[in-house]
Protein backbone atom coordinates (compact mmCIF):
# COMPACT_ATOMS: atom_id res chain seq x y z
CA MET A 1 -95.68 21.63 34.58
CA LEU A 2 -92.34 23.36 35.17
CA GLN A 3 -91.21 22.93 38.79
CA ILE A 4 -88.39 25.16 40.05
CA SER A 5 -87.55 26.06 43.64
CA LEU A 6 -85.82 29.40 44.06
CA PRO A 7 -83.92 30.40 47.20
CA ILE A 8 -85.82 33.00 49.18
CA LEU A 9 -84.01 36.08 50.41
CA ASP A 10 -84.63 36.97 54.04
CA SER A 11 -85.52 40.57 53.14
CA THR A 12 -88.26 39.69 50.68
CA PRO A 13 -91.79 38.32 50.89
CA THR A 14 -91.95 34.54 50.82
CA ALA A 15 -95.34 34.34 49.12
CA GLY A 16 -95.28 33.90 45.41
CA MET A 17 -91.69 32.79 45.19
CA LYS A 18 -92.25 29.11 44.60
CA ALA A 19 -92.65 28.39 40.92
CA GLY A 20 -94.63 25.69 39.24
CA CYS A 21 -98.10 25.98 40.74
CA SER A 22 -100.54 27.70 38.45
CA GLY A 23 -102.83 30.31 39.80
CA GLY A 24 -105.80 32.37 38.96
CA GLY A 25 -105.72 35.03 36.34
CA CYS A 26 -107.09 38.22 37.11
CA SER A 27 -98.25 48.90 29.47
CA SER A 28 -91.27 53.45 27.89
CA GLY A 29 -89.77 57.39 25.57
CA CYS A 30 -91.81 53.34 24.60
CA GLY A 31 -89.15 50.95 25.40
CA SER A 32 -86.68 48.55 24.07
CA SER A 33 -86.94 47.15 20.60
CA GLY A 34 -84.77 44.45 22.03
CA GLY A 35 -84.61 40.84 22.56
CA ASN A 36 -83.08 38.34 20.34
CA ALA A 37 -84.89 35.49 18.74
CA ALA A 38 -82.27 32.85 19.51
CA PRO A 39 -83.67 29.33 19.78
CA ARG A 40 -84.33 28.02 23.25
CA VAL A 41 -85.42 24.80 24.92
CA VAL A 42 -88.80 25.22 26.60
CA PRO A 43 -90.48 22.63 28.79
CA GLU A 44 -93.96 21.60 27.86
CA ILE A 45 -96.74 23.21 29.89
CA ASP A 46 -99.65 21.11 31.11
CA SER A 47 -102.52 23.37 30.08
CA GLU A 48 -104.97 21.16 31.95
CA ALA A 49 -103.24 22.05 35.22
CA ILE A 50 -103.85 25.79 34.80
CA ASN A 51 -106.66 26.64 37.19
CA THR A 52 -107.94 30.18 36.70
CA GLY A 53 -110.19 29.86 39.74
CA VAL A 54 -107.46 29.77 42.38
CA PRO A 55 -107.87 32.63 44.93
CA PHE A 56 -105.32 35.42 44.78
CA ASP A 57 -103.69 34.59 48.12
CA GLU A 58 -103.03 31.04 46.91
CA ARG A 59 -101.41 31.98 43.61
CA ARG A 60 -97.83 31.06 42.85
CA LEU A 61 -95.65 32.51 40.14
CA ASN A 62 -95.75 30.26 37.08
CA LEU A 63 -92.34 30.29 35.42
CA GLY A 64 -93.94 28.34 32.60
CA ALA A 65 -96.01 31.46 31.78
CA THR A 66 -93.24 32.80 29.54
CA PRO A 67 -92.81 32.92 25.75
CA THR A 68 -92.23 29.60 24.04
CA LYS A 69 -91.14 31.21 20.78
CA GLY A 70 -90.25 34.54 19.27
CA THR A 71 -88.38 37.39 20.89
CA PHE A 72 -87.08 37.12 24.41
CA VAL A 73 -88.65 39.62 26.80
CA THR A 74 -85.91 41.96 28.01
CA PHE A 75 -87.87 45.01 29.18
CA ILE A 76 -91.08 45.40 31.14
CA ASP A 77 -93.20 48.37 32.08
CA LEU A 78 -94.47 47.73 35.61
CA ASP A 79 -97.67 49.46 36.74
CA LEU A 80 -97.04 49.82 40.46
CA THR A 81 -100.24 51.81 40.77
CA VAL A 82 -103.00 53.32 38.69
CA GLU A 83 -103.45 56.12 41.19
CA CYS A 84 -102.10 59.55 40.26
CA ASN A 85 -101.92 62.93 41.93
CA LEU A 86 -102.51 64.70 38.60
CA ARG A 87 -105.46 64.67 36.22
CA CYS A 88 -103.85 65.36 32.83
CA THR A 89 -106.45 66.40 30.30
CA TYR A 90 -105.28 63.91 27.67
CA CYS A 91 -104.41 60.90 29.87
CA PHE A 92 -105.03 57.56 28.15
CA LYS A 93 -105.17 55.58 31.38
CA GLU A 94 -108.46 54.51 32.92
CA LYS A 95 -108.15 55.96 36.42
CA TRP A 96 -109.18 54.16 39.59
CA ASN A 97 -107.63 54.04 43.01
CA GLU A 98 -105.83 50.73 43.11
CA HIS A 99 -102.26 49.66 43.79
CA MET A 100 -100.29 46.62 42.71
CA GLU A 101 -99.90 44.14 45.56
CA GLU A 102 -96.29 44.01 46.75
CA ARG A 103 -96.07 40.31 46.01
CA VAL A 104 -97.10 40.87 42.40
CA ALA A 105 -94.32 43.45 41.99
CA PHE A 106 -91.66 41.06 43.31
CA ASP A 107 -93.04 38.22 41.22
CA ALA A 108 -93.07 40.37 38.06
CA VAL A 109 -89.34 41.02 38.44
CA LEU A 110 -88.70 37.30 38.85
CA TRP A 111 -90.91 36.61 35.83
CA LEU A 112 -88.82 38.98 33.68
CA LEU A 113 -85.56 37.36 34.76
CA HIS A 114 -86.85 34.03 33.47
CA ALA A 115 -88.80 35.30 30.44
CA SER A 116 -85.56 36.90 29.19
CA GLY A 117 -83.99 33.47 28.65
CA PRO A 118 -80.21 33.69 28.17
CA THR A 119 -80.27 37.48 27.71
CA LYS A 120 -77.93 39.00 30.28
CA ASN A 121 -79.22 42.59 30.42
CA VAL A 122 -82.83 43.35 31.28
CA ALA A 123 -84.74 46.44 32.40
CA VAL A 124 -87.82 47.47 34.37
CA ASN A 125 -89.56 50.83 33.99
CA PHE A 126 -91.89 51.78 36.83
CA MET A 127 -95.13 53.22 35.53
CA GLY A 128 -98.50 54.36 36.85
CA GLY A 129 -100.39 56.44 37.61
CA GLU A 130 -97.51 58.12 39.37
CA PRO A 131 -94.98 55.48 40.47
CA LEU A 132 -93.48 57.66 43.22
CA LEU A 133 -96.71 57.16 45.14
CA ARG A 134 -95.22 53.68 45.72
CA PHE A 135 -91.75 54.85 46.69
CA ARG A 136 -91.74 52.67 49.81
CA LEU A 137 -92.25 49.62 47.59
CA ILE A 138 -89.63 50.80 45.08
CA LYS A 139 -87.07 51.04 47.90
CA LYS A 140 -87.57 47.33 48.59
CA LEU A 141 -88.06 46.15 45.03
CA VAL A 142 -84.93 47.60 43.40
CA PRO A 143 -82.38 46.02 45.80
CA PHE A 144 -84.27 42.73 45.57
CA GLY A 145 -84.17 42.80 41.75
CA LYS A 146 -80.48 43.69 41.65
CA ARG A 147 -79.59 40.86 43.99
CA ARG A 148 -81.75 38.24 42.31
CA ALA A 149 -80.42 39.21 38.87
CA TRP A 150 -76.87 38.83 40.19
CA GLN A 151 -77.73 35.38 41.53
CA LEU A 152 -78.88 34.40 38.05
CA GLY A 153 -75.83 35.88 36.32
CA LYS A 154 -77.73 38.85 34.89
CA ASN A 155 -77.85 42.63 35.12
CA ILE A 156 -81.10 44.50 35.70
CA HIS A 157 -81.62 48.22 35.21
CA PHE A 158 -84.50 50.13 36.79
CA GLY A 159 -86.05 53.39 35.63
CA MET A 160 -89.32 55.24 35.89
CA THR A 161 -91.61 57.70 34.18
CA THR A 162 -92.55 60.42 36.67
CA ASN A 163 -94.61 63.60 36.55
CA GLY A 164 -91.94 65.22 38.73
CA THR A 165 -94.23 66.47 41.47
CA LEU A 166 -93.06 64.07 44.21
CA VAL A 167 -89.28 64.20 43.68
CA THR A 168 -87.42 64.78 46.93
CA ASP A 169 -83.79 64.68 48.01
CA GLU A 170 -84.42 61.17 49.35
CA VAL A 171 -85.78 60.05 45.98
CA VAL A 172 -82.78 61.46 44.11
CA SER A 173 -80.34 59.87 46.59
CA PHE A 174 -82.02 56.52 46.00
CA TRP A 175 -81.82 56.98 42.20
CA LYS A 176 -78.11 57.74 42.52
CA LYS A 177 -77.39 54.78 44.76
CA TRP A 178 -78.99 52.29 42.37
CA GLY A 179 -78.15 53.98 39.05
CA MET A 180 -81.76 54.45 38.03
CA GLY A 181 -82.85 56.28 34.88
CA PHE A 182 -86.04 58.18 34.22
CA HIS A 183 -87.72 60.86 32.17
CA THR A 184 -89.91 63.69 33.33
CA SER A 185 -93.29 64.60 31.90
CA ILE A 186 -93.54 68.38 31.65
CA ASP A 187 -95.65 70.05 28.99
CA GLY A 188 -94.26 73.56 28.73
CA THR A 189 -94.46 76.99 30.30
CA PRO A 190 -96.27 77.26 33.65
CA GLU A 191 -99.43 78.35 31.83
CA VAL A 192 -99.35 75.30 29.55
CA GLN A 193 -98.36 72.92 32.36
CA ASP A 194 -101.10 74.13 34.70
CA ARG A 195 -103.76 73.90 32.02
CA ASN A 196 -102.78 70.44 30.74
CA ARG A 197 -101.61 68.80 33.97
CA PRO A 198 -103.65 69.99 36.97
CA THR A 199 -103.61 68.26 40.34
CA THR A 200 -106.52 66.16 41.57
CA GLY A 201 -107.73 69.27 43.39
CA GLY A 202 -107.70 71.33 40.20
CA ARG A 203 -104.62 73.41 41.04
CA GLY A 204 -101.66 73.89 38.72
CA SER A 205 -98.66 71.59 38.99
CA SER A 206 -95.95 73.81 37.50
CA GLN A 207 -94.55 75.05 40.83
CA LEU A 208 -94.18 71.49 42.11
CA VAL A 209 -92.32 70.45 38.96
CA GLU A 210 -90.07 73.53 39.00
CA LYS A 211 -88.88 72.61 42.49
CA SER A 212 -87.90 69.10 41.39
CA VAL A 213 -86.20 69.89 38.08
CA PRO A 214 -82.90 71.18 39.60
CA LYS A 215 -82.63 68.01 41.71
CA VAL A 216 -83.31 65.83 38.66
CA LEU A 217 -80.89 67.60 36.31
CA GLN A 218 -78.13 67.76 38.89
CA TYR A 219 -78.23 63.97 38.99
CA ARG A 220 -78.90 63.33 35.29
CA PRO A 221 -78.27 66.39 33.09
CA HIS A 222 -79.53 64.54 30.00
CA THR A 223 -82.99 63.81 31.42
CA THR A 224 -85.66 64.47 28.80
CA ALA A 225 -88.36 67.11 29.16
CA ARG A 226 -91.18 65.09 27.62
CA SER A 227 -93.96 67.41 26.47
CA THR A 228 -97.29 66.15 25.17
CA VAL A 229 -98.52 68.71 22.65
CA VAL A 230 -102.26 69.12 22.15
CA PRO A 231 -103.86 71.45 19.58
CA ASP A 232 -104.38 74.16 22.20
CA SER A 233 -100.65 74.25 22.98
CA ALA A 234 -99.39 73.87 19.40
CA ALA A 235 -98.65 77.60 19.09
CA THR A 236 -96.56 77.70 22.28
CA LEU A 237 -93.56 75.52 21.39
CA VAL A 238 -91.01 78.32 21.02
CA GLU A 239 -91.85 79.79 24.40
CA SER A 240 -91.94 76.35 26.01
CA TYR A 241 -88.55 75.49 24.49
CA LYS A 242 -87.07 78.69 25.95
CA TYR A 243 -88.62 77.79 29.29
CA PHE A 244 -87.16 74.29 29.22
CA ARG A 245 -83.73 75.67 28.43
CA SER A 246 -84.05 78.18 31.28
CA LEU A 247 -84.62 75.23 33.61
CA GLY A 248 -81.49 73.54 32.25
CA TYR A 249 -82.94 70.82 29.99
CA ILE A 250 -80.83 69.92 26.95
CA ASN A 251 -83.06 67.02 25.84
CA VAL A 252 -86.54 68.01 24.72
CA ALA A 253 -89.42 66.06 23.19
CA PHE A 254 -92.49 67.82 21.78
CA VAL A 255 -94.76 64.85 21.04
CA PRO A 256 -98.23 65.45 19.55
CA GLY A 257 -101.01 63.56 21.28
CA GLY A 258 -104.45 62.40 20.16
CA PRO A 259 -104.23 62.69 16.34
CA SER A 260 -108.01 62.74 15.89
CA PHE A 261 -108.23 66.03 17.81
CA TRP A 262 -105.95 67.87 15.39
CA SER A 263 -107.08 70.01 12.48
CA PRO A 264 -105.18 71.31 9.43
CA GLU A 265 -104.92 74.67 11.19
CA SER A 266 -103.47 73.28 14.42
CA ILE A 267 -101.03 71.09 12.49
CA GLN A 268 -99.92 74.16 10.56
CA ALA A 269 -99.40 76.04 13.83
CA TYR A 270 -97.40 73.11 15.21
CA GLU A 271 -95.12 73.09 12.15
CA LYS A 272 -94.57 76.83 12.29
CA GLU A 273 -93.61 76.68 15.95
CA LEU A 274 -91.43 73.61 15.51
CA MET A 275 -89.50 75.35 12.74
CA GLY A 276 -88.98 78.24 15.16
CA VAL A 277 -87.62 75.81 17.73
CA CYS A 278 -85.32 74.37 15.06
CA ASP A 279 -83.85 77.82 14.44
CA LEU A 280 -83.13 78.16 18.16
CA VAL A 281 -81.58 74.70 18.29
CA MET A 282 -79.35 75.45 15.31
CA ASP A 283 -78.13 78.61 17.04
CA GLU A 284 -77.16 76.44 20.01
CA PHE A 285 -75.26 74.09 17.69
CA ARG A 286 -73.39 77.10 16.31
CA GLN A 287 -72.34 77.95 19.85
CA GLY A 288 -71.01 74.43 20.33
CA ARG A 289 -73.92 73.09 22.41
CA PHE A 290 -75.62 69.88 21.33
CA ILE A 291 -79.37 69.88 21.96
CA TYR A 292 -81.38 66.71 21.50
CA LEU A 293 -84.80 67.40 19.98
CA LYS A 294 -87.04 64.37 19.65
CA GLY A 295 -88.53 63.92 16.20
CA ILE A 296 -85.93 66.13 14.60
CA ASP A 297 -83.20 63.80 15.80
CA ASP A 298 -85.22 60.82 14.53
CA ALA A 299 -85.57 62.42 11.11
CA ILE A 300 -81.87 63.30 10.87
CA GLN A 301 -80.85 59.80 11.89
CA GLY A 302 -83.14 58.43 9.17
CA ILE A 303 -81.68 60.74 6.52
CA ILE A 304 -78.15 59.59 7.35
CA ARG A 305 -79.08 55.92 7.72
CA ASP A 306 -81.04 56.03 4.46
CA LYS A 307 -82.88 52.90 5.43
CA ARG A 308 -86.31 52.51 6.94
CA PRO A 309 -86.55 50.91 10.41
CA ASN A 310 -88.53 47.70 10.76
CA HIS A 311 -90.27 48.58 14.03
CA ALA A 312 -91.54 51.71 15.71
CA CYS A 313 -90.87 50.33 19.18
CA GLY A 314 -90.50 47.10 21.11
CA ALA A 315 -94.14 46.80 22.24
CA GLY A 316 -95.26 43.18 22.15
CA ARG A 317 -91.76 42.05 21.29
CA GLY A 318 -88.84 42.74 23.66
CA LEU A 319 -91.10 45.01 25.71
CA LEU A 320 -94.24 44.05 27.64
CA LEU A 321 -96.36 45.53 30.42
CA VAL A 322 -97.20 43.75 33.65
CA ASP A 323 -100.19 45.54 35.16
CA ILE A 324 -101.36 45.77 38.76
CA HIS A 325 -103.05 42.35 38.55
CA GLY A 326 -100.09 40.56 36.96
CA ASP A 327 -101.76 40.62 33.55
CA ILE A 328 -99.38 40.86 30.58
CA TRP A 329 -99.98 43.35 27.75
CA PRO A 330 -97.95 44.66 24.77
CA CYS A 331 -97.09 47.92 26.58
CA HIS A 332 -98.38 50.46 29.10
CA ARG A 333 -100.92 51.89 26.64
CA TRP A 334 -102.90 48.70 26.06
CA ASN A 335 -104.48 47.58 29.35
CA LYS A 336 -107.99 48.96 28.92
CA ASP A 337 -111.26 47.13 29.29
CA HIS A 338 -111.92 47.22 25.54
CA HIS A 339 -108.44 45.83 24.82
CA GLN A 340 -109.13 42.42 26.37
CA SER A 341 -108.40 40.60 23.12
CA TRP A 342 -104.82 41.93 23.38
CA ARG A 343 -104.20 40.52 26.86
CA ILE A 344 -101.18 38.23 26.44
CA GLY A 345 -101.60 36.31 29.67
CA ASN A 346 -100.80 36.57 33.36
CA ILE A 347 -97.62 35.81 35.28
CA TYR A 348 -99.62 33.42 37.51
CA GLN A 349 -101.51 31.79 34.69
CA GLN A 350 -100.12 31.38 31.18
CA PHE A 351 -98.51 33.24 28.29
CA ASP A 352 -100.47 33.48 25.04
CA ASP A 353 -97.96 33.22 22.19
CA LEU A 354 -100.70 33.60 19.58
CA VAL A 355 -101.84 37.02 20.84
CA ARG A 356 -98.27 38.25 21.11
CA ALA A 357 -97.45 36.99 17.60
CA GLU A 358 -99.64 39.76 16.15
CA LEU A 359 -96.91 42.21 17.14
CA ASP A 360 -93.84 40.00 17.47
CA ARG A 361 -93.00 40.09 13.78
CA PRO A 362 -89.69 40.68 12.01
CA ASN A 363 -90.99 43.70 10.10
CA HIS A 364 -93.91 45.99 10.92
CA THR A 365 -93.47 48.43 8.07
CA ASP A 366 -94.35 45.78 5.49
CA LEU A 367 -97.76 45.41 7.16
CA LEU A 368 -98.79 49.08 7.11
CA GLU A 369 -101.89 49.99 5.14
CA GLN A 370 -100.57 53.38 3.99
CA ASN A 371 -98.62 54.03 0.82
CA CYS A 372 -95.45 54.86 2.71
CA GLU A 373 -92.97 54.57 -0.15
CA ILE A 374 -93.76 58.06 -1.40
CA CYS A 375 -93.87 59.66 2.07
CA VAL A 376 -91.22 62.19 3.01
CA ALA A 377 -90.94 60.50 6.43
CA ASN A 378 -90.30 56.99 5.16
CA LYS A 379 -86.63 56.93 6.22
CA PHE A 380 -87.46 57.06 9.93
CA CYS A 381 -91.16 56.33 10.39
CA ALA A 382 -92.05 52.70 11.09
CA GLY A 383 -95.78 53.22 11.34
CA GLY A 384 -96.17 55.09 14.59
CA CYS A 385 -97.34 53.86 17.96
CA PRO A 386 -99.32 50.61 17.47
CA ALA A 387 -101.46 51.33 20.54
CA GLU A 388 -102.32 54.79 19.27
CA ASN A 389 -103.13 53.30 15.86
CA LEU A 390 -105.48 50.83 17.51
CA GLU A 391 -107.24 53.60 19.43
CA GLU A 392 -107.58 55.89 16.42
CA THR A 393 -108.30 53.47 13.55
CA GLY A 394 -109.09 50.13 15.17
CA LYS A 395 -106.01 48.56 13.55
CA VAL A 396 -102.43 48.41 14.82
CA TYR A 397 -100.97 48.74 11.33
CA LYS A 398 -103.10 51.63 10.12
CA ARG A 399 -102.36 55.22 11.13
CA HIS A 400 -104.74 58.12 11.48
CA PRO A 401 -104.15 60.61 8.62
CA ASN A 402 -103.32 63.36 11.12
CA ALA A 403 -100.70 61.12 12.74
CA CYS A 404 -99.05 60.73 9.34
CA GLU A 405 -99.12 64.47 8.70
CA LEU A 406 -97.66 65.28 12.11
CA THR A 407 -94.83 62.82 11.40
CA ARG A 408 -94.23 64.53 8.06
CA VAL A 409 -93.83 67.78 10.02
CA TRP A 410 -90.95 66.13 11.88
CA ALA A 411 -89.51 64.96 8.57
CA ARG A 412 -89.57 68.43 7.00
CA ALA A 413 -88.14 70.07 10.11
CA GLY A 414 -85.42 67.42 10.41
CA GLN A 415 -84.47 67.83 6.74
CA TYR A 416 -84.25 71.59 7.26
CA VAL A 417 -81.90 71.29 10.24
CA HIS A 418 -79.81 68.61 8.55
CA ASP A 419 -79.33 70.51 5.30
CA VAL A 420 -78.48 73.85 6.92
CA LEU A 421 -75.98 72.51 9.43
CA LEU A 422 -74.43 70.09 6.93
CA LYS A 423 -73.91 72.92 4.44
CA GLU A 424 -72.33 75.03 7.17
CA GLY A 425 -70.11 72.11 8.18
CA ASN A 426 -71.12 72.71 11.79
CA ALA A 427 -68.58 70.92 13.97
CA THR A 428 -71.04 69.98 16.74
CA PHE A 429 -73.53 68.60 14.23
CA MET A 430 -70.90 66.67 12.29
CA ALA A 431 -69.31 65.18 15.40
CA HIS A 432 -72.64 63.90 16.69
CA TYR A 433 -74.39 62.72 13.55
CA TYR A 434 -71.70 61.82 11.05
CA LYS A 435 -68.78 60.75 13.20
CA ASP A 436 -66.93 58.16 11.10
CA LYS A 437 -68.78 59.22 7.96
CA ASN A 438 -66.90 62.48 7.70
CA SER A 439 -64.42 60.95 5.27
CA GLN A 440 -67.29 59.97 2.96
CA LEU A 441 -68.30 63.62 2.63
CA ASN A 442 -64.87 64.83 1.50
């Protein structure tokens, strides 16, 4: 069994810091595709010494519970809580009122620093529930992680995914001090937001979010307005885009959720509205303003690259989730009761290379069950979200037909924007997308 003693900082909990003892066992816009598969020397783990019956308060972080092969882990989603102050109508999390123990949070950061091997730059994205419900913990955890990374000759970046309802001046000051990144979940106009993202008491959340947006954008002007689009809101994209711009957002993502709930009619409405948004975006380009529009940007990048990506995201590869119990999963969308076969291990127990190997492959697109070669989206689509695929079809490499069609909507809209602005020779478009390729077009 690997035995390492780490120095303990005075400002941090002492429990859980000593490595080597095994303990009991008990999911960013998605994350890094990263990691590099460089060879490494890994000590042998005595599997007989792993005792899953050890009580929680006697557990010790097992630095042997890290990958022994494949991609280094460079990015983790960290579920600080599963509690949330909103009850979004489409939420994929299984809600219950439970927080991550502070010791697990500190240990998860240490685990990442060692699971990343020789990789110098790593990242943690705080998830939930709503992570700002654990702001007191975050204020202790971020300085600890920065210092411990420095001690190990590494850099660690922290970010979070927040619903924006709990952002205060103190929160923003903390973000600034530690250089944190984040994106905000906001679905659209106040009517759309209040319908899709009510509070636990059933009230709308739009006023709370509106108060926080100026604070967020003053700190990070390029923060994304991440909108989950459901069939009922498919016909509201133009108005929601105008609303986002009135708030000051220049990065917007209209991401369809729950493919099985869509119909041909709602998909048609989504495409019509998205094309309307594209017209507005192109007008902004003509006025010299670059607007990032998720999906459309992906499609344009694929057209220019003219080569299909190998992976949709880093889930199960460079990216993993550590949940409130210290359990390890491919990403923040996987830790459900019926996903137990996808549990990769536990930071106090062991790391299951075999489970992870199902996703840690050099090329995902070769494994897809669709005939993607003839698809209009094949220059940028790598098979969609594996977790969503699993939920909708029971297979990580098989997409729901509606998911494919919604991606083709992005492809057609992206082709439209690309062809119009390229023909016009739009300076803003060319500077952003073609850069050094300008000479190839002359």
